[in-house]
């Protein structure tokens, strides 16, 4: 089972936008994705509740909820026929939780918005992934997604220069578009809107989906998709 983590401790970076659109895109492509929401705000699960039943199915896991009647591992179980698993992580994560969160991940996507605050937060996040979570650059499992970027602005040029300096691939640049608002309001993904409406957005998502298709972590998982061993 492919495991994709969408992670940035900075709130408002666009994690849910990326996670929900990934889930919808994989579903439209004929996969059986599972979307796990670990953020107490529950935005991914709200998106899923708005999704019409006749749409390609996405299995939801409300990981932010707690139950006294079942074990945590049972609550977070992933059906064996689901893949990939896309995890929408909470804001303000303790860096010390990153090793457990990212263990066995095939890909870790770090969304970053074009602002000075977000750029510095992304730099700290990347540093923690490399030094605390000990993800090797050579594994090529970390990818940056520039989010809500307006072309030919000073801040977009600043963001581009910063990202190039990290030696971490910038795999997609998502433009600042009302299409993502429409997706959030309707429980759909960018591929499910009329093609004429999203024509300018599709290239970035095709690049992102292609990059993900080549990511594989050196890990073994049990029958529920839980990590049992990691050689990283």
Protein backbone atom coordinates (compact mmCIF):
# COMPACT_ATOMS: atom_id res chain seq x y z
CA UNK A 1 0.00 0.00 0.00
CA UNK A 2 1.44 3.36 -1.03
CA UNK A 3 1.48 5.83 1.86
CA UNK A 4 1.51 9.57 1.15
CA UNK A 5 1.95 12.10 3.97
CA UNK A 6 0.91 15.74 3.48
CA UNK A 7 2.82 17.60 6.16
CA UNK A 8 3.66 21.11 7.26
CA UNK A 9 3.35 22.22 10.91
CA UNK A 10 2.37 25.69 9.68
CA UNK A 11 -1.39 26.05 9.65
CA UNK A 12 -3.07 27.32 6.50
CA UNK A 13 -0.43 25.94 4.13
CA UNK A 14 -2.93 24.01 2.03
CA UNK A 15 -2.51 20.48 3.38
CA UNK A 16 -6.21 19.63 3.13
CA UNK A 17 -6.51 21.04 -0.39
CA UNK A 18 -3.70 18.78 -1.54
CA UNK A 19 -4.83 15.71 0.42
CA UNK A 20 -8.45 15.84 -0.76
CA UNK A 21 -7.55 16.51 -4.37
CA UNK A 22 -5.07 13.65 -4.32
CA UNK A 23 -7.74 11.32 -2.96
CA UNK A 24 -10.21 12.36 -5.64
CA UNK A 25 -7.61 12.13 -8.40
CA UNK A 26 -6.60 8.59 -7.41
CA UNK A 27 -10.26 7.57 -7.17
CA UNK A 28 -11.03 8.92 -10.64
CA UNK A 29 -8.02 7.01 -11.98
CA UNK A 30 -9.55 3.74 -10.77
CA UNK A 31 -7.70 3.29 -7.48
CA UNK A 32 -9.31 2.76 -4.07
CA UNK A 33 -7.74 5.54 -1.97
CA UNK A 34 -8.10 5.95 1.77
CA UNK A 35 -8.01 9.46 3.23
CA UNK A 36 -6.93 9.69 6.86
CA UNK A 37 -7.61 12.97 8.64
CA UNK A 38 -5.42 13.55 11.72
CA UNK A 39 -6.18 17.26 11.99
CA UNK A 40 -8.61 18.07 14.84
CA UNK A 41 -10.32 20.58 12.54
CA UNK A 42 -11.54 17.64 10.47
CA UNK A 43 -11.52 19.52 7.17
CA UNK A 44 -10.78 16.47 5.04
CA UNK A 45 -13.66 14.55 6.57
CA UNK A 46 -16.02 17.50 5.98
CA UNK A 47 -14.96 17.47 2.33
CA UNK A 48 -15.66 13.74 2.17
CA UNK A 49 -19.13 14.15 3.67
CA UNK A 50 -19.97 16.57 0.85
CA UNK A 51 -18.87 14.06 -1.79
CA UNK A 52 -21.80 12.66 -3.75
CA UNK A 53 -22.36 8.91 -3.54
CA UNK A 54 -22.18 8.51 -7.30
CA UNK A 55 -18.62 9.86 -7.34
CA UNK A 56 -15.61 7.52 -7.37
CA UNK A 57 -15.30 6.23 -3.82
CA UNK A 58 -12.81 7.50 -1.23
CA UNK A 59 -12.58 5.64 2.08
CA UNK A 60 -12.42 8.07 5.02
CA UNK A 61 -10.68 7.57 8.37
CA UNK A 62 -11.35 10.21 11.03
CA UNK A 63 -8.03 9.77 12.81
CA UNK A 64 -8.53 12.89 14.92
CA UNK A 65 -11.36 11.19 16.81
CA UNK A 66 -10.72 9.16 19.94
CA UNK A 67 -12.70 6.14 21.11
CA UNK A 68 -12.68 4.37 24.47
CA UNK A 69 -14.33 1.27 23.00
CA UNK A 70 -11.70 0.25 20.42
CA UNK A 71 -7.91 0.30 20.23
CA UNK A 72 -6.12 3.08 18.39
CA UNK A 73 -4.74 0.66 15.81
CA UNK A 74 -8.23 -0.66 15.11
CA UNK A 75 -9.57 2.86 14.75
CA UNK A 76 -6.85 3.71 12.22
CA UNK A 77 -7.11 0.46 10.28
CA UNK A 78 -7.03 0.70 6.50
CA UNK A 79 -9.04 -1.78 4.41
CA UNK A 80 -6.77 -4.21 2.62
CA UNK A 81 -8.13 -3.24 -0.79
CA UNK A 82 -7.31 0.45 -0.33
CA UNK A 83 -4.31 2.13 -1.89
CA UNK A 84 -2.91 4.69 -1.64
CA UNK A 85 -3.33 5.92 1.92
CA UNK A 86 -3.22 9.73 2.02
CA UNK A 87 -2.68 11.30 5.43
CA UNK A 88 -3.71 14.90 6.19
CA UNK A 89 -1.64 15.88 9.22
CA UNK A 90 -2.40 18.45 11.93
CA UNK A 91 -0.81 21.86 12.35
CA UNK A 92 1.63 22.64 15.16
CA UNK A 93 3.14 19.16 15.16
CA UNK A 94 5.94 18.54 17.62
CA UNK A 95 9.12 17.84 15.60
CA UNK A 96 9.76 14.84 17.86
CA UNK A 97 6.62 13.19 16.45
CA UNK A 98 7.95 13.33 12.89
CA UNK A 99 9.89 10.03 12.97
CA UNK A 100 6.77 8.06 13.87
CA UNK A 101 4.54 10.07 11.54
CA UNK A 102 6.77 9.62 8.49
CA UNK A 103 8.04 6.09 9.15
CA UNK A 104 7.46 3.99 6.06
CA UNK A 105 6.05 6.86 4.01
CA UNK A 106 6.52 6.45 0.28
CA UNK A 107 6.23 10.21 -0.17
CA UNK A 108 6.14 13.27 2.08
CA UNK A 109 4.57 16.32 0.46
CA UNK A 110 5.34 19.70 2.01
CA UNK A 111 2.98 22.45 0.82
CA UNK A 112 4.25 26.00 1.14
CA UNK A 113 2.47 29.30 0.56
CA UNK A 114 4.17 32.35 -1.01
CA UNK A 115 4.75 34.47 2.08
CA UNK A 116 7.81 35.18 4.22
CA UNK A 117 6.24 33.47 7.26
CA UNK A 118 5.37 30.37 5.29
CA UNK A 119 8.75 30.22 3.59
CA UNK A 120 10.58 30.25 6.94
CA UNK A 121 8.16 27.66 8.36
CA UNK A 122 8.79 25.41 5.36
CA UNK A 123 12.54 25.73 5.87
CA UNK A 124 12.18 24.56 9.49
CA UNK A 125 9.91 21.72 8.40
CA UNK A 126 12.40 20.48 5.81
CA UNK A 127 15.23 20.70 8.34
CA UNK A 128 13.23 18.65 10.86
CA UNK A 129 12.38 16.03 8.25
CA UNK A 130 16.05 15.65 7.40
CA UNK A 131 17.58 15.87 10.90
CA UNK A 132 14.84 14.65 13.25
CA UNK A 133 12.86 12.25 11.07
CA UNK A 134 16.16 11.31 9.38
CA UNK A 135 14.72 11.06 5.88
CA UNK A 136 17.63 10.97 3.49
CA UNK A 137 17.74 13.36 0.56
CA UNK A 138 18.99 10.47 -1.55
CA UNK A 139 15.74 8.59 -0.92
CA UNK A 140 13.95 11.33 -2.91
CA UNK A 141 10.78 10.91 -0.86
CA UNK A 142 10.31 14.57 0.11
CA UNK A 143 8.64 16.84 -2.41
CA UNK A 144 7.59 20.47 -2.14
CA UNK A 145 4.31 21.77 -3.51
CA UNK A 146 4.09 25.53 -3.94
CA UNK A 147 0.49 26.46 -3.19
CA UNK A 148 -1.75 29.39 -4.19
CA UNK A 149 0.95 31.02 -6.27
CA UNK A 150 0.22 34.05 -8.42
CA UNK A 151 2.61 34.17 -11.35
CA UNK A 152 5.00 37.05 -11.93
CA UNK A 153 4.71 38.55 -8.46
CA UNK A 154 7.64 39.49 -6.25
CA UNK A 155 6.70 36.99 -3.57
CA UNK A 156 6.35 34.18 -6.12
CA UNK A 157 9.87 34.89 -7.40
CA UNK A 158 11.14 34.93 -3.80
CA UNK A 159 9.45 31.59 -3.16
CA UNK A 160 10.98 30.06 -6.29
CA UNK A 161 14.50 31.20 -5.32
CA UNK A 162 14.07 29.84 -1.81
CA UNK A 163 12.78 26.45 -2.95
CA UNK A 164 15.64 26.02 -5.40
CA UNK A 165 18.11 26.61 -2.56
CA UNK A 166 16.80 23.66 -0.50
CA UNK A 167 18.03 20.87 -2.78
CA UNK A 168 14.56 19.31 -2.37
CA UNK A 169 12.48 18.95 -5.54
CA UNK A 170 9.72 21.42 -6.26
CA UNK A 171 7.33 18.97 -7.87
CA UNK A 172 4.33 21.17 -8.57
CA UNK A 173 3.19 24.77 -8.42
CA UNK A 174 -0.53 25.19 -7.80
CA UNK A 175 -1.93 28.52 -8.88
CA UNK A 176 -4.19 30.71 -6.78
CA UNK A 177 -7.52 29.59 -8.21
CA UNK A 178 -11.18 29.58 -7.21
CA UNK A 179 -11.33 26.05 -8.58
CA UNK A 180 -9.96 24.75 -5.28
CA UNK A 181 -12.70 26.60 -3.40
CA UNK A 182 -15.26 24.93 -5.66
CA UNK A 183 -13.68 21.53 -5.01
CA UNK A 184 -13.81 22.06 -1.24
CA UNK A 185 -17.43 23.15 -1.34
CA UNK A 186 -18.59 20.23 -3.51
CA UNK A 187 -16.51 17.30 -2.26
CA UNK A 188 -14.78 16.83 -5.61
CA UNK A 189 -11.27 16.98 -6.99
CA UNK A 190 -9.76 19.14 -9.70
CA UNK A 191 -10.09 16.32 -12.26
CA UNK A 192 -13.83 16.17 -11.63
CA UNK A 193 -14.57 19.77 -12.61
CA UNK A 194 -15.27 20.62 -16.27
CA UNK A 195 -12.06 20.36 -18.24
CA UNK A 196 -12.42 23.83 -19.79
CA UNK A 197 -12.61 25.24 -16.27
CA UNK A 198 -9.45 23.58 -14.92
CA UNK A 199 -7.31 23.55 -18.04
CA UNK A 200 -4.71 25.83 -16.43
CA UNK A 201 -4.49 23.62 -13.32
CA UNK A 202 -4.13 20.18 -14.88
CA UNK A 203 -0.45 20.36 -15.85
CA UNK A 204 0.65 20.92 -12.24
CA UNK A 205 -1.44 17.99 -11.02
CA UNK A 206 -0.16 15.72 -13.78
CA UNK A 207 3.40 16.54 -12.68
CA UNK A 208 2.51 15.82 -9.05
CA UNK A 209 0.76 12.52 -9.83
CA UNK A 210 3.66 11.41 -12.05
CA UNK A 211 6.20 12.16 -9.30
CA UNK A 212 4.16 10.18 -6.77
CA UNK A 213 3.95 7.20 -9.09
CA UNK A 214 7.73 6.77 -8.81
CA UNK A 215 8.04 7.04 -5.01
CA UNK A 216 8.63 3.86 -3.00
CA UNK A 217 9.77 3.52 0.60
CA UNK A 218 12.01 0.68 1.81
CA UNK A 219 9.44 -0.65 4.28
CA UNK A 220 7.31 -3.66 5.18
CA UNK A 221 3.74 -3.37 6.40
CA UNK A 222 1.30 -5.77 7.96
CA UNK A 223 -2.07 -6.73 6.49
CA UNK A 224 -3.67 -3.50 7.75
CA UNK A 225 -1.04 -1.33 6.09
CA UNK A 226 0.67 -0.55 9.39
CA UNK A 227 4.44 -0.24 9.45
CA UNK A 228 6.24 -3.22 10.95
CA UNK A 229 9.79 -2.45 9.85
CA UNK A 230 11.63 0.43 8.28
CA UNK A 231 15.18 0.32 7.03
CA UNK A 232 15.61 4.06 6.61
